Amino acid sequence: MYPVQWAKLDNGTDAVLSLAVEGPLLYCGMAGGGLNIWNLDSHQMVKQITDHQGDLWSIDVIKGIAISGDSNGRSR
């Protein structure tokens, strides 16, 4: 069985470097430091956070709180 495209979400021109899912939300860590949060039910972006200055290499979500780490060694 091959993967089937279920949805196409437009994150812009930056590459997606990390992913996390909690419930209906998909968290995308972006090159350039953005964190895009998508609702997988509606296929709509619900929030974009731009607090990081380095590439967002890691994301974890615990009880609705996103914890992220960037290429500059900073966590938020």
PDB file of N, CA and C in Angstrom:
ATOM      1  N   MET A   1       0.839  -1.171   0.000  1.00  0.00           N
ATOM      2  CA  MET A   1       0.000   0.000   0.000  1.00  0.00           C
ATOM      3  C   MET A   1       0.890   1.243   0.000  1.00  0.00           C
ATOM      4  N   TYR A   2       0.527   2.199  -0.801  1.00  0.00           N
ATOM      5  CA  TYR A   2       1.274   3.440  -0.912  1.00  0.00           C
ATOM      6  C   TYR A   2       0.545   4.547  -0.162  1.00  0.00           C
ATOM      7  N   PRO A   3       1.287   5.550   0.317  1.00  0.00           N
ATOM      8  CA  PRO A   3       0.637   6.686   0.974  1.00  0.00           C
ATOM      9  C   PRO A   3      -0.301   7.411   0.004  1.00  0.00           C
ATOM     10  N   VAL A   4      -1.380   7.920   0.531  1.00  0.00           N
ATOM     11  CA  VAL A   4      -2.355   8.671  -0.242  1.00  0.00           C
ATOM     12  C   VAL A   4      -2.379  10.101   0.282  1.00  0.00           C
ATOM     13  N   GLN A   5      -2.337  11.072  -0.640  1.00  0.00           N
ATOM     14  CA  GLN A   5      -2.401  12.459  -0.212  1.00  0.00           C
ATOM     15  C   GLN A   5      -3.786  12.747   0.332  1.00  0.00           C
ATOM     16  N   TRP A   6      -3.837  13.132   1.588  1.00  0.00           N
ATOM     17  CA  TRP A   6      -5.099  13.382   2.260  1.00  0.00           C
ATOM     18  C   TRP A   6      -5.454  14.858   2.234  1.00  0.00           C
ATOM     19  N   ALA A   7      -4.432  15.697   2.310  1.00  0.00           N
ATOM     20  CA  ALA A   7      -4.647  17.146   2.290  1.00  0.00           C
ATOM     21  C   ALA A   7      -3.366  17.810   1.804  1.00  0.00           C
ATOM     22  N   LYS A   8      -3.499  19.006   1.272  1.00  0.00           N
ATOM     23  CA  LYS A   8      -2.349  19.805   0.901  1.00  0.00           C
ATOM     24  C   LYS A   8      -2.435  21.112   1.672  1.00  0.00           C
ATOM     25  N   LEU A   9      -1.459  21.328   2.546  1.00  0.00           N
ATOM     26  CA  LEU A   9      -1.435  22.516   3.391  1.00  0.00           C
ATOM     27  C   LEU A   9      -0.296  23.408   2.913  1.00  0.00           C
ATOM     28  N   ASP A  10      -0.580  24.662   2.634  1.00  0.00           N
ATOM     29  CA  ASP A  10       0.410  25.575   2.069  1.00  0.00           C
ATOM     30  C   ASP A  10       1.123  26.329   3.186  1.00  0.00           C
ATOM     31  N   ASN A  11       2.365  25.923   3.465  1.00  0.00           N
ATOM     32  CA  ASN A  11       3.175  26.572   4.482  1.00  0.00           C
ATOM     33  C   ASN A  11       4.031  27.697   3.920  1.00  0.00           C
ATOM     34  N   GLY A  12       3.850  28.048   2.685  1.00  0.00           N
ATOM     35  CA  GLY A  12       4.651  29.108   2.078  1.00  0.00           C
ATOM     36  C   GLY A  12       5.921  28.545   1.469  1.00  0.00           C
ATOM     37  N   THR A  13       6.966  29.360   1.394  1.00  0.00           N
ATOM     38  CA  THR A  13       8.192  28.965   0.712  1.00  0.00           C
ATOM     39  C   THR A  13       9.221  28.311   1.623  1.00  0.00           C
ATOM     40  N   ASP A  14       9.087  28.438   2.945  1.00  0.00           N
ATOM     41  CA  ASP A  14      10.040  27.823   3.869  1.00  0.00           C
ATOM     42  C   ASP A  14       9.790  26.320   3.975  1.00  0.00           C
ATOM     43  N   ALA A  15      10.858  25.566   4.143  1.00  0.00           N
ATOM     44  CA  ALA A  15      10.755  24.116   4.276  1.00  0.00           C
ATOM     45  C   ALA A  15      10.235  23.735   5.658  1.00  0.00           C
ATOM     46  N   VAL A  16       9.453  22.656   5.709  1.00  0.00           N
ATOM     47  CA  VAL A  16       9.004  22.088   6.983  1.00  0.00           C
ATOM     48  C   VAL A  16      10.126  21.187   7.485  1.00  0.00           C
ATOM     49  N   LEU A  17      10.618  21.450   8.714  1.00  0.00           N
ATOM     50  CA  LEU A  17      11.739  20.700   9.279  1.00  0.00           C
ATOM     51  C   LEU A  17      11.331  19.743  10.385  1.00  0.00           C
ATOM     52  N   SER A  18      10.189  20.002  11.032  1.00  0.00           N
ATOM     53  CA  SER A  18       9.735  19.138  12.123  1.00  0.00           C
ATOM     54  C   SER A  18       8.215  19.170  12.191  1.00  0.00           C
ATOM     55  N   LEU A  19       7.650  18.069  12.709  1.00  0.00           N
ATOM     56  CA  LEU A  19       6.198  17.928  12.809  1.00  0.00           C
ATOM     57  C   LEU A  19       5.821  17.347  14.167  1.00  0.00           C
ATOM     58  N   ALA A  20       4.658  17.740  14.655  1.00  0.00           N
ATOM     59  CA  ALA A  20       4.061  17.126  15.839  1.00  0.00           C
ATOM     60  C   ALA A  20       2.553  17.189  15.661  1.00  0.00           C
ATOM     61  N   VAL A  21       1.856  16.200  16.196  1.00  0.00           N
ATOM     62  CA  VAL A  21       0.393  16.157  16.115  1.00  0.00           C
ATOM     63  C   VAL A  21      -0.160  15.941  17.513  1.00  0.00           C
ATOM     64  N   GLU A  22      -1.180  16.710  17.861  1.00  0.00           N
ATOM     65  CA  GLU A  22      -1.940  16.467  19.088  1.00  0.00           C
ATOM     66  C   GLU A  22      -3.403  16.725  18.768  1.00  0.00           C
ATOM     67  N   GLY A  23      -4.220  15.695  18.913  1.00  0.00           N
ATOM     68  CA  GLY A  23      -5.633  15.814  18.573  1.00  0.00           C
ATOM     69  C   GLY A  23      -5.782  16.210  17.118  1.00  0.00           C
ATOM     70  N   PRO A  24      -6.616  17.221  16.833  1.00  0.00           N
ATOM     71  CA  PRO A  24      -6.825  17.628  15.442  1.00  0.00           C
ATOM     72  C   PRO A  24      -5.796  18.632  14.935  1.00  0.00           C
ATOM     73  N   LEU A  25      -4.773  18.946  15.746  1.00  0.00           N
ATOM     74  CA  LEU A  25      -3.815  19.985  15.366  1.00  0.00           C
ATOM     75  C   LEU A  25      -2.488  19.402  14.902  1.00  0.00           C
ATOM     76  N   LEU A  26      -1.975  19.971  13.801  1.00  0.00           N
ATOM     77  CA  LEU A  26      -0.667  19.635  13.254  1.00  0.00           C
ATOM     78  C   LEU A  26       0.241  20.842  13.457  1.00  0.00           C
ATOM     79  N   TYR A  27       1.387  20.616  14.087  1.00  0.00           N
ATOM     80  CA  TYR A  27       2.370  21.663  14.359  1.00  0.00           C
ATOM     81  C   TYR A  27       3.532  21.471  13.401  1.00  0.00           C
ATOM     82  N   CYS A  28       3.863  22.505  12.607  1.00  0.00           N
ATOM     83  CA  CYS A  28       4.932  22.429  11.614  1.00  0.00           C
ATOM     84  C   CYS A  28       6.045  23.409  11.980  1.00  0.00           C
ATOM     85  N   GLY A  29       7.242  22.875  12.281  1.00  0.00           N
ATOM     86  CA  GLY A  29       8.409  23.709  12.535  1.00  0.00           C
ATOM     87  C   GLY A  29       9.078  24.053  11.218  1.00  0.00           C
ATOM     88  N   MET A  30       9.298  25.320  10.992  1.00  0.00           N
ATOM     89  CA  MET A  30       9.730  25.791   9.680  1.00  0.00           C
ATOM     90  C   MET A  30      11.177  26.270   9.668  1.00  0.00           C
ATOM     91  N   ALA A  31      11.821  26.151   8.502  1.00  0.00           N
ATOM     92  CA  ALA A  31      13.097  26.832   8.279  1.00  0.00           C
ATOM     93  C   ALA A  31      12.810  28.322   8.428  1.00  0.00           C
ATOM     94  N   GLY A  32      13.672  29.028   9.080  1.00  0.00           N
ATOM     95  CA  GLY A  32      13.435  30.452   9.321  1.00  0.00           C
ATOM     96  C   GLY A  32      12.798  30.719  10.670  1.00  0.00           C
ATOM     97  N   GLY A  33      12.364  29.667  11.389  1.00  0.00           N
ATOM     98  CA  GLY A  33      11.914  29.834  12.765  1.00  0.00           C
ATOM     99  C   GLY A  33      10.427  29.901  13.003  1.00  0.00           C
ATOM    100  N   GLY A  34       9.608  29.811  11.981  1.00  0.00           N
ATOM    101  CA  GLY A  34       8.159  29.866  12.182  1.00  0.00           C
ATOM    102  C   GLY A  34       7.595  28.553  12.700  1.00  0.00           C
ATOM    103  N   LEU A  35       6.506  28.657  13.425  1.00  0.00           N
ATOM    104  CA  LEU A  35       5.732  27.493  13.867  1.00  0.00           C
ATOM    105  C   LEU A  35       4.316  27.692  13.355  1.00  0.00           C
ATOM    106  N   ASN A  36       3.915  26.860  12.393  1.00  0.00           N
ATOM    107  CA  ASN A  36       2.574  26.933  11.820  1.00  0.00           C
ATOM    108  C   ASN A  36       1.711  25.849  12.449  1.00  0.00           C
ATOM    109  N   ILE A  37       0.526  26.229  12.895  1.00  0.00           N
ATOM    110  CA  ILE A  37      -0.391  25.289  13.529  1.00  0.00           C
ATOM    111  C   ILE A  37      -1.633  25.172  12.655  1.00  0.00           C
ATOM    112  N   TRP A  38      -1.925  23.929  12.238  1.00  0.00           N
ATOM    113  CA  TRP A  38      -3.031  23.635  11.329  1.00  0.00           C
ATOM    114  C   TRP A  38      -4.093  22.802  12.018  1.00  0.00           C
ATOM    115  N   ASN A  39      -5.353  23.064  11.697  1.00  0.00           N
ATOM    116  CA  ASN A  39      -6.451  22.203  12.099  1.00  0.00           C
ATOM    117  C   ASN A  39      -6.635  21.179  10.984  1.00  0.00           C
ATOM    118  N   LEU A  40      -6.410  19.905  11.318  1.00  0.00           N
ATOM    119  CA  LEU A  40      -6.483  18.865  10.293  1.00  0.00           C
ATOM    120  C   LEU A  40      -7.910  18.557   9.851  1.00  0.00           C
ATOM    121  N   ASP A  41      -8.892  18.896  10.676  1.00  0.00           N
ATOM    122  CA  ASP A  41     -10.287  18.673  10.290  1.00  0.00           C
ATOM    123  C   ASP A  41     -10.734  19.670   9.220  1.00  0.00           C
ATOM    124  N   SER A  42     -10.351  20.946   9.395  1.00  0.00           N
ATOM    125  CA  SER A  42     -10.788  21.992   8.464  1.00  0.00           C
ATOM    126  C   SER A  42      -9.736  22.324   7.403  1.00  0.00           C
ATOM    127  N   HIS A  43      -8.498  21.819   7.562  1.00  0.00           N
ATOM    128  CA  HIS A  43      -7.372  22.117   6.672  1.00  0.00           C
ATOM    129  C   HIS A  43      -7.051  23.608   6.660  1.00  0.00           C
ATOM    130  N   GLN A  44      -7.284  24.284   7.776  1.00  0.00           N
ATOM    131  CA  GLN A  44      -7.026  25.720   7.904  1.00  0.00           C
ATOM    132  C   GLN A  44      -5.898  25.962   8.894  1.00  0.00           C
ATOM    133  N   MET A  45      -5.016  26.941   8.595  1.00  0.00           N
ATOM    134  CA  MET A  45      -4.014  27.343   9.556  1.00  0.00           C
ATOM    135  C   MET A  45      -4.710  28.141  10.649  1.00  0.00           C
ATOM    136  N   VAL A  46      -4.496  27.769  11.897  1.00  0.00           N
ATOM    137  CA  VAL A  46      -5.153  28.460  13.001  1.00  0.00           C
ATOM    138  C   VAL A  46      -4.227  29.447  13.697  1.00  0.00           C
ATOM    139  N   LYS A  47      -2.914  29.259  13.542  1.00  0.00           N
ATOM    140  CA  LYS A  47      -1.980  30.186  14.182  1.00  0.00           C
ATOM    141  C   LYS A  47      -0.606  30.055  13.543  1.00  0.00           C
ATOM    142  N   GLN A  48       0.104  31.176  13.504  1.00  0.00           N
ATOM    143  CA  GLN A  48       1.490  31.189  13.049  1.00  0.00           C
ATOM    144  C   GLN A  48       2.290  31.957  14.090  1.00  0.00           C
ATOM    145  N   ILE A  49       3.321  31.307  14.637  1.00  0.00           N
ATOM    146  CA  ILE A  49       4.151  31.908  15.676  1.00  0.00           C
ATOM    147  C   ILE A  49       5.545  32.101  15.100  1.00  0.00           C
ATOM    148  N   THR A  50       6.115  33.287  15.293  1.00  0.00           N
ATOM    149  CA  THR A  50       7.421  33.598  14.704  1.00  0.00           C
ATOM    150  C   THR A  50       8.411  34.053  15.771  1.00  0.00           C
ATOM    151  N   ASP A  51       8.425  33.392  16.930  1.00  0.00           N
ATOM    152  CA  ASP A  51       9.319  33.781  18.024  1.00  0.00           C
ATOM    153  C   ASP A  51      10.766  33.334  17.828  1.00  0.00           C
ATOM    154  N   HIS A  52      11.000  32.270  17.089  1.00  0.00           N
ATOM    155  CA  HIS A  52      12.362  31.758  16.892  1.00  0.00           C
ATOM    156  C   HIS A  52      13.064  32.516  15.785  1.00  0.00           C
ATOM    157  N   GLN A  53      14.380  32.631  15.909  1.00  0.00           N
ATOM    158  CA  GLN A  53      15.170  33.260  14.856  1.00  0.00           C
ATOM    159  C   GLN A  53      15.936  32.229  14.036  1.00  0.00           C
ATOM    160  N   GLY A  54      16.200  31.051  14.618  1.00  0.00           N
ATOM    161  CA  GLY A  54      16.875  29.976  13.900  1.00  0.00           C
ATOM    162  C   GLY A  54      15.864  28.971  13.390  1.00  0.00           C
ATOM    163  N   ASP A  55      16.307  28.090  12.524  1.00  0.00           N
ATOM    164  CA  ASP A  55      15.436  27.040  11.982  1.00  0.00           C
ATOM    165  C   ASP A  55      14.847  26.208  13.120  1.00  0.00           C
ATOM    166  N   LEU A  56      13.578  25.873  13.026  1.00  0.00           N
ATOM    167  CA  LEU A  56      12.864  25.161  14.090  1.00  0.00           C
ATOM    168  C   LEU A  56      12.994  23.654  13.859  1.00  0.00           C
ATOM    169  N   TRP A  57      13.969  23.034  14.527  1.00  0.00           N
ATOM    170  CA  TRP A  57      14.316  21.643  14.287  1.00  0.00           C
ATOM    171  C   TRP A  57      13.522  20.657  15.123  1.00  0.00           C
ATOM    172  N   SER A  58      12.947  21.086  16.241  1.00  0.00           N
ATOM    173  CA  SER A  58      12.225  20.116  17.073  1.00  0.00           C
ATOM    174  C   SER A  58      10.979  20.742  17.687  1.00  0.00           C
ATOM    175  N   ILE A  59       9.938  19.903  17.791  1.00  0.00           N
ATOM    176  CA  ILE A  59       8.675  20.305  18.405  1.00  0.00           C
ATOM    177  C   ILE A  59       8.141  19.115  19.191  1.00  0.00           C
ATOM    178  N   ASP A  60       7.614  19.405  20.367  1.00  0.00           N
ATOM    179  CA  ASP A  60       6.841  18.424  21.120  1.00  0.00           C
ATOM    180  C   ASP A  60       5.634  19.166  21.660  1.00  0.00           C
ATOM    181  N   VAL A  61       4.520  18.485  21.784  1.00  0.00           N
ATOM    182  CA  VAL A  61       3.300  19.106  22.298  1.00  0.00           C
ATOM    183  C   VAL A  61       2.825  18.277  23.482  1.00  0.00           C
ATOM    184  N   ILE A  62       2.664  18.940  24.621  1.00  0.00           N
ATOM    185  CA  ILE A  62       2.221  18.275  25.837  1.00  0.00           C
ATOM    186  C   ILE A  62       1.017  19.038  26.378  1.00  0.00           C
ATOM    187  N   LYS A  63      -0.144  18.379  26.340  1.00  0.00           N
ATOM    188  CA  LYS A  63      -1.394  18.971  26.832  1.00  0.00           C
ATOM    189  C   LYS A  63      -1.646  20.361  26.234  1.00  0.00           C
ATOM    190  N   GLY A  64      -1.445  20.473  24.923  1.00  0.00           N
ATOM    191  CA  GLY A  64      -1.742  21.722  24.223  1.00  0.00           C
ATOM    192  C   GLY A  64      -0.647  22.770  24.275  1.00  0.00           C
ATOM    193  N   ILE A  65       0.473  22.468  24.920  1.00  0.00           N
ATOM    194  CA  ILE A  65       1.581  23.418  25.004  1.00  0.00           C
ATOM    195  C   ILE A  65       2.701  22.934  24.083  1.00  0.00           C
ATOM    196  N   ALA A  66       3.060  23.773  23.108  1.00  0.00           N
ATOM    197  CA  ALA A  66       4.126  23.427  22.168  1.00  0.00           C
ATOM    198  C   ALA A  66       5.473  23.824  22.762  1.00  0.00           C
ATOM    199  N   ILE A  67       6.405  22.883  22.743  1.00  0.00           N
ATOM    200  CA  ILE A  67       7.777  23.113  23.189  1.00  0.00           C
ATOM    201  C   ILE A  67       8.652  22.926  21.958  1.00  0.00           C
ATOM    202  N   SER A  68       9.472  23.917  21.654  1.00  0.00           N
ATOM    203  CA  SER A  68      10.227  23.872  20.410  1.00  0.00           C
ATOM    204  C   SER A  68      11.680  24.245  20.650  1.00  0.00           C
ATOM    205  N   GLY A  69      12.547  23.761  19.770  1.00  0.00           N
ATOM    206  CA  GLY A  69      13.966  24.077  19.825  1.00  0.00           C
ATOM    207  C   GLY A  69      14.459  24.474  18.447  1.00  0.00           C
ATOM    208  N   ASP A  70      15.282  25.526  18.412  1.00  0.00           N
ATOM    209  CA  ASP A  70      15.765  26.000  17.108  1.00  0.00           C
ATOM    210  C   ASP A  70      17.255  25.746  16.921  1.00  0.00           C
ATOM    211  N   SER A  71      17.742  26.062  15.740  1.00  0.00           N
ATOM    212  CA  SER A  71      19.140  25.807  15.383  1.00  0.00           C
ATOM    213  C   SER A  71      20.124  26.707  16.126  1.00  0.00           C
ATOM    214  N   ASN A  72      19.636  27.700  16.839  1.00  0.00           N
ATOM    215  CA  ASN A  72      20.486  28.569  17.665  1.00  0.00           C
ATOM    216  C   ASN A  72      20.589  28.036  19.098  1.00  0.00           C
ATOM    217  N   GLY A  73      19.934  26.881  19.352  1.00  0.00           N
ATOM    218  CA  GLY A  73      19.996  26.292  20.684  1.00  0.00           C
ATOM    219  C   GLY A  73      18.988  26.857  21.661  1.00  0.00           C
ATOM    220  N   ARG A  74      18.009  27.588  21.173  1.00  0.00           N
ATOM    221  CA  ARG A  74      16.999  28.182  22.050  1.00  0.00           C
ATOM    222  C   ARG A  74      15.734  27.331  22.074  1.00  0.00           C
ATOM    223  N   SER A  75      15.159  27.224  23.253  1.00  0.00           N
ATOM    224  CA  SER A  75      13.876  26.526  23.434  1.00  0.00           C
ATOM    225  C   SER A  75      12.835  27.538  23.874  1.00  0.00           C
ATOM    226  N   ARG A  76      11.604  27.256  23.508  1.00  0.00           N
ATOM    227  CA  ARG A  76      10.481  28.130  23.930  1.00  0.00           C
ATOM    228  C   ARG A  76       9.307  27.262  24.292  1.00  0.00           C
TER     229      ARG A  76
END
